[in-house]
């Protein structure tokens, strides 16, 4: 398999993963200030500067809707597998679990 075919296969895998109804794994911002640990059951643990809170999430129409204490924040689920949040914050999958 050449490099082009490999890139296409990897891209399709990411795209299929992004289209699923649930996320599973850890996502972090570029500065390391925020960490989102998504569970396959719809629970997400959001850590900001060492403080962790539990919330629920729903993936729908390329959006990730995170609800905590009755407040919902909507994030964009990008085709490259990243999540774009408020004020331009980008969450990237953390390869280390």
N, C-alpha and C. Protein backbone atom coordinates (compact mmCIF):
# COMPACT_ATOMS: atom_id res chain seq x y z
N UNK A 1 0.85 -1.17 0.00
CA UNK A 1 0.00 0.00 0.00
C UNK A 1 0.90 1.23 0.00
N UNK A 2 0.65 2.16 -0.91
CA UNK A 2 1.49 3.35 -0.97
C UNK A 2 1.01 4.40 0.03
N UNK A 3 1.75 5.49 0.12
CA UNK A 3 1.47 6.53 1.11
C UNK A 3 0.09 7.15 0.88
N UNK A 4 -0.25 7.39 -0.37
CA UNK A 4 -1.54 8.00 -0.67
C UNK A 4 -2.69 7.12 -0.20
N UNK A 5 -2.61 5.83 -0.50
CA UNK A 5 -3.67 4.91 -0.08
C UNK A 5 -3.75 4.84 1.44
N UNK A 6 -2.61 4.84 2.09
CA UNK A 6 -2.58 4.80 3.55
C UNK A 6 -3.26 6.04 4.13
N UNK A 7 -2.96 7.21 3.57
CA UNK A 7 -3.57 8.45 4.04
C UNK A 7 -5.09 8.43 3.86
N UNK A 8 -5.54 7.91 2.74
CA UNK A 8 -6.97 7.83 2.47
C UNK A 8 -7.65 6.90 3.49
N UNK A 9 -7.04 5.76 3.74
CA UNK A 9 -7.62 4.81 4.70
C UNK A 9 -7.68 5.42 6.09
N UNK A 10 -6.59 6.06 6.51
CA UNK A 10 -6.56 6.69 7.84
C UNK A 10 -7.61 7.79 7.92
N UNK A 11 -7.75 8.59 6.87
CA UNK A 11 -8.76 9.65 6.85
C UNK A 11 -10.17 9.10 6.95
N UNK A 12 -10.44 8.02 6.25
CA UNK A 12 -11.77 7.41 6.32
C UNK A 12 -12.06 6.85 7.70
N UNK A 13 -11.06 6.26 8.33
CA UNK A 13 -11.24 5.74 9.69
C UNK A 13 -11.60 6.88 10.64
N UNK A 14 -10.88 8.00 10.54
CA UNK A 14 -11.18 9.16 11.39
C UNK A 14 -12.58 9.68 11.11
N UNK A 15 -12.94 9.75 9.84
CA UNK A 15 -14.25 10.26 9.47
C UNK A 15 -15.35 9.36 10.03
N UNK A 16 -15.19 8.06 9.91
CA UNK A 16 -16.18 7.14 10.45
C UNK A 16 -16.26 7.24 11.97
N UNK A 17 -15.13 7.40 12.60
CA UNK A 17 -15.12 7.55 14.06
C UNK A 17 -15.84 8.83 14.47
N UNK A 18 -15.66 9.89 13.69
CA UNK A 18 -16.29 11.16 14.01
C UNK A 18 -17.79 11.14 13.78
N UNK A 19 -18.27 10.25 12.94
CA UNK A 19 -19.70 10.19 12.63
C UNK A 19 -20.48 9.36 13.63
N UNK A 20 -19.80 8.70 14.56
CA UNK A 20 -20.48 7.86 15.52
C UNK A 20 -21.31 8.65 16.50
N UNK A 21 -22.15 7.97 17.24
CA UNK A 21 -23.04 8.62 18.20
C UNK A 21 -22.35 8.89 19.52
N UNK A 22 -21.22 8.26 19.79
CA UNK A 22 -20.50 8.45 21.04
C UNK A 22 -19.03 8.66 20.78
N UNK A 23 -18.41 9.39 21.67
CA UNK A 23 -16.96 9.56 21.65
C UNK A 23 -16.41 8.66 22.75
N UNK A 24 -15.16 8.32 22.64
CA UNK A 24 -14.52 7.50 23.66
C UNK A 24 -13.05 7.85 23.65
N UNK A 25 -12.58 8.44 24.73
CA UNK A 25 -11.17 8.79 24.81
C UNK A 25 -10.96 10.16 25.42
N UNK A 26 -9.68 10.53 25.49
CA UNK A 26 -9.28 11.78 26.13
C UNK A 26 -8.93 12.80 25.05
N UNK A 27 -9.43 14.02 25.23
CA UNK A 27 -9.15 15.14 24.35
C UNK A 27 -8.60 16.27 25.21
N UNK A 28 -7.57 16.97 24.69
CA UNK A 28 -6.97 18.07 25.44
C UNK A 28 -6.81 19.29 24.54
N UNK A 29 -6.76 20.47 25.17
CA UNK A 29 -6.48 21.67 24.41
C UNK A 29 -4.97 21.81 24.24
N UNK A 30 -4.56 22.72 23.36
CA UNK A 30 -3.14 22.86 23.04
C UNK A 30 -2.29 23.34 24.22
N UNK A 31 -2.87 24.07 25.16
CA UNK A 31 -2.13 24.58 26.31
C UNK A 31 -2.12 23.61 27.48
N UNK A 32 -2.93 22.57 27.40
CA UNK A 32 -2.99 21.59 28.48
C UNK A 32 -3.80 22.07 29.68
N UNK A 33 -4.61 23.10 29.48
CA UNK A 33 -5.42 23.61 30.58
C UNK A 33 -6.72 22.85 30.77
N UNK A 34 -7.22 22.27 29.68
CA UNK A 34 -8.48 21.54 29.75
C UNK A 34 -8.32 20.13 29.21
N UNK A 35 -9.00 19.20 29.90
CA UNK A 35 -8.99 17.80 29.47
C UNK A 35 -10.43 17.31 29.53
N UNK A 36 -10.86 16.67 28.44
CA UNK A 36 -12.19 16.09 28.36
C UNK A 36 -12.03 14.58 28.19
N UNK A 37 -12.54 13.82 29.14
CA UNK A 37 -12.45 12.36 29.06
C UNK A 37 -13.83 11.80 28.75
N UNK A 38 -14.04 11.46 27.47
CA UNK A 38 -15.33 10.97 27.01
C UNK A 38 -15.44 9.47 27.25
N UNK A 39 -16.56 9.05 27.82
CA UNK A 39 -16.87 7.65 28.03
C UNK A 39 -17.89 7.25 26.97
N UNK A 40 -17.86 6.03 26.53
CA UNK A 40 -18.79 5.56 25.50
C UNK A 40 -20.24 5.57 25.92
N UNK A 41 -20.50 5.76 27.22
CA UNK A 41 -21.88 5.71 27.73
C UNK A 41 -22.56 7.08 27.78
N UNK A 42 -21.91 8.13 27.25
CA UNK A 42 -22.51 9.46 27.26
C UNK A 42 -22.07 10.34 28.41
N UNK A 43 -21.13 9.87 29.21
CA UNK A 43 -20.58 10.66 30.30
C UNK A 43 -19.25 11.25 29.87
N UNK A 44 -18.99 12.48 30.29
CA UNK A 44 -17.70 13.11 30.03
C UNK A 44 -17.21 13.75 31.33
N UNK A 45 -15.93 13.58 31.61
CA UNK A 45 -15.29 14.21 32.76
C UNK A 45 -14.48 15.38 32.23
N UNK A 46 -14.85 16.59 32.66
CA UNK A 46 -14.20 17.80 32.19
C UNK A 46 -13.28 18.31 33.30
N UNK A 47 -11.99 18.39 33.00
CA UNK A 47 -11.01 18.89 33.97
C UNK A 47 -10.45 20.22 33.49
N UNK A 48 -10.53 21.21 34.36
CA UNK A 48 -9.99 22.53 34.06
C UNK A 48 -9.07 22.92 35.20
N UNK A 49 -7.80 23.05 34.91
CA UNK A 49 -6.78 23.43 35.89
C UNK A 49 -6.90 22.62 37.19
N UNK A 50 -7.05 21.30 37.03
CA UNK A 50 -7.05 20.40 38.18
C UNK A 50 -8.40 20.15 38.82
N UNK A 51 -9.44 20.85 38.40
CA UNK A 51 -10.78 20.64 38.95
C UNK A 51 -11.59 19.85 37.93
N UNK A 52 -12.13 18.69 38.36
CA UNK A 52 -12.87 17.81 37.45
C UNK A 52 -14.34 17.81 37.82
N UNK A 53 -15.18 17.89 36.78
CA UNK A 53 -16.62 17.77 36.99
C UNK A 53 -17.19 16.78 35.97
N UNK A 54 -18.26 16.14 36.35
CA UNK A 54 -18.92 15.17 35.49
C UNK A 54 -20.06 15.83 34.74
N UNK A 55 -20.20 15.50 33.46
CA UNK A 55 -21.27 16.03 32.63
C UNK A 55 -21.74 14.93 31.70
N UNK A 56 -22.76 15.22 30.93
CA UNK A 56 -23.22 14.28 29.91
C UNK A 56 -22.98 14.91 28.54
N UNK A 57 -22.90 14.07 27.53
CA UNK A 57 -22.71 14.59 26.18
C UNK A 57 -23.54 13.78 25.20
N UNK A 58 -23.78 14.43 24.06
CA UNK A 58 -24.53 13.82 22.97
C UNK A 58 -23.89 14.27 21.67
N UNK A 59 -23.62 13.34 20.77
CA UNK A 59 -23.08 13.66 19.45
C UNK A 59 -24.24 13.62 18.48
N UNK A 60 -24.42 14.76 17.76
CA UNK A 60 -25.56 14.88 16.87
C UNK A 60 -25.24 15.90 15.78
N UNK A 61 -25.40 15.51 14.53
CA UNK A 61 -25.20 16.42 13.39
C UNK A 61 -23.85 17.14 13.44
N UNK A 62 -22.78 16.40 13.64
CA UNK A 62 -21.42 16.94 13.70
C UNK A 62 -21.23 17.96 14.82
N UNK A 63 -22.03 17.81 15.87
CA UNK A 63 -21.94 18.67 17.06
C UNK A 63 -21.79 17.78 18.28
N UNK A 64 -21.06 18.27 19.26
CA UNK A 64 -20.97 17.60 20.55
C UNK A 64 -21.64 18.53 21.54
N UNK A 65 -22.72 18.07 22.15
CA UNK A 65 -23.48 18.88 23.09
C UNK A 65 -23.18 18.38 24.50
N UNK A 66 -22.51 19.22 25.28
CA UNK A 66 -22.12 18.86 26.64
C UNK A 66 -23.02 19.61 27.61
N UNK A 67 -23.68 18.86 28.50
CA UNK A 67 -24.62 19.44 29.45
C UNK A 67 -24.14 19.19 30.86
N UNK A 68 -24.13 20.27 31.64
CA UNK A 68 -23.73 20.19 33.04
C UNK A 68 -24.59 21.20 33.82
N UNK A 69 -25.23 20.73 34.88
CA UNK A 69 -26.09 21.59 35.72
C UNK A 69 -27.12 22.35 34.90
N UNK A 70 -27.74 21.69 33.91
CA UNK A 70 -28.79 22.30 33.12
C UNK A 70 -28.32 23.24 32.02
N UNK A 71 -27.02 23.45 31.91
CA UNK A 71 -26.47 24.31 30.87
C UNK A 71 -25.79 23.46 29.80
N UNK A 72 -26.12 23.73 28.54
CA UNK A 72 -25.55 22.97 27.42
C UNK A 72 -24.64 23.87 26.60
N UNK A 73 -23.43 23.40 26.34
CA UNK A 73 -22.49 24.09 25.46
C UNK A 73 -22.31 23.20 24.23
N UNK A 74 -22.39 23.82 23.06
CA UNK A 74 -22.30 23.08 21.80
C UNK A 74 -20.94 23.28 21.17
N UNK A 75 -20.28 22.17 20.86
CA UNK A 75 -18.96 22.16 20.23
C UNK A 75 -19.11 21.61 18.81
N UNK A 76 -18.19 21.97 17.93
CA UNK A 76 -18.18 21.43 16.56
C UNK A 76 -17.26 20.23 16.51
N UNK A 77 -17.73 19.15 15.91
CA UNK A 77 -16.92 17.96 15.70
C UNK A 77 -16.36 18.03 14.29
N UNK A 78 -15.07 18.26 14.18
CA UNK A 78 -14.41 18.46 12.89
C UNK A 78 -14.10 17.13 12.21
N UNK A 79 -13.97 17.17 10.89
CA UNK A 79 -13.68 15.96 10.12
C UNK A 79 -12.34 15.35 10.46
N UNK A 80 -11.40 16.15 10.96
CA UNK A 80 -10.07 15.62 11.30
C UNK A 80 -10.03 14.98 12.68
N UNK A 81 -11.18 14.90 13.36
CA UNK A 81 -11.25 14.26 14.67
C UNK A 81 -11.06 15.21 15.83
N UNK A 82 -10.81 16.50 15.56
CA UNK A 82 -10.69 17.47 16.63
C UNK A 82 -12.07 18.02 16.97
N UNK A 83 -12.15 18.67 18.12
CA UNK A 83 -13.39 19.28 18.58
C UNK A 83 -13.13 20.76 18.80
N UNK A 84 -13.95 21.60 18.17
CA UNK A 84 -13.79 23.06 18.28
C UNK A 84 -14.78 23.59 19.29
N UNK A 85 -14.25 24.27 20.31
CA UNK A 85 -15.11 24.76 21.37
C UNK A 85 -15.24 26.26 21.40
N UNK A 86 -15.75 26.78 22.50
CA UNK A 86 -15.95 28.21 22.64
C UNK A 86 -14.63 28.98 22.52
N UNK A 87 -14.73 30.19 22.00
CA UNK A 87 -13.59 31.09 21.86
C UNK A 87 -12.46 30.49 21.03
N UNK A 88 -12.81 29.58 20.12
CA UNK A 88 -11.81 29.01 19.22
C UNK A 88 -10.93 27.92 19.82
N UNK A 89 -11.24 27.47 21.03
CA UNK A 89 -10.45 26.40 21.66
C UNK A 89 -10.58 25.13 20.83
N UNK A 90 -9.48 24.46 20.58
CA UNK A 90 -9.50 23.20 19.85
C UNK A 90 -9.04 22.08 20.76
N UNK A 91 -9.85 21.04 20.85
CA UNK A 91 -9.50 19.85 21.62
C UNK A 91 -9.01 18.79 20.66
N UNK A 92 -7.87 18.20 20.98
CA UNK A 92 -7.28 17.17 20.12
C UNK A 92 -7.25 15.84 20.89
N UNK A 93 -7.45 14.73 20.15
CA UNK A 93 -7.35 13.43 20.82
C UNK A 93 -5.97 13.26 21.43
N UNK A 94 -5.93 12.76 22.65
CA UNK A 94 -4.67 12.52 23.35
C UNK A 94 -4.26 11.07 23.06
N UNK A 95 -3.14 10.88 22.37
CA UNK A 95 -2.73 9.50 22.03
C UNK A 95 -2.32 8.68 23.24
N UNK A 96 -2.02 9.35 24.35
CA UNK A 96 -1.60 8.64 25.57
C UNK A 96 -2.79 8.51 26.47
N UNK A 97 -3.14 7.27 26.83
CA UNK A 97 -4.29 7.06 27.72
C UNK A 97 -3.84 6.58 29.05
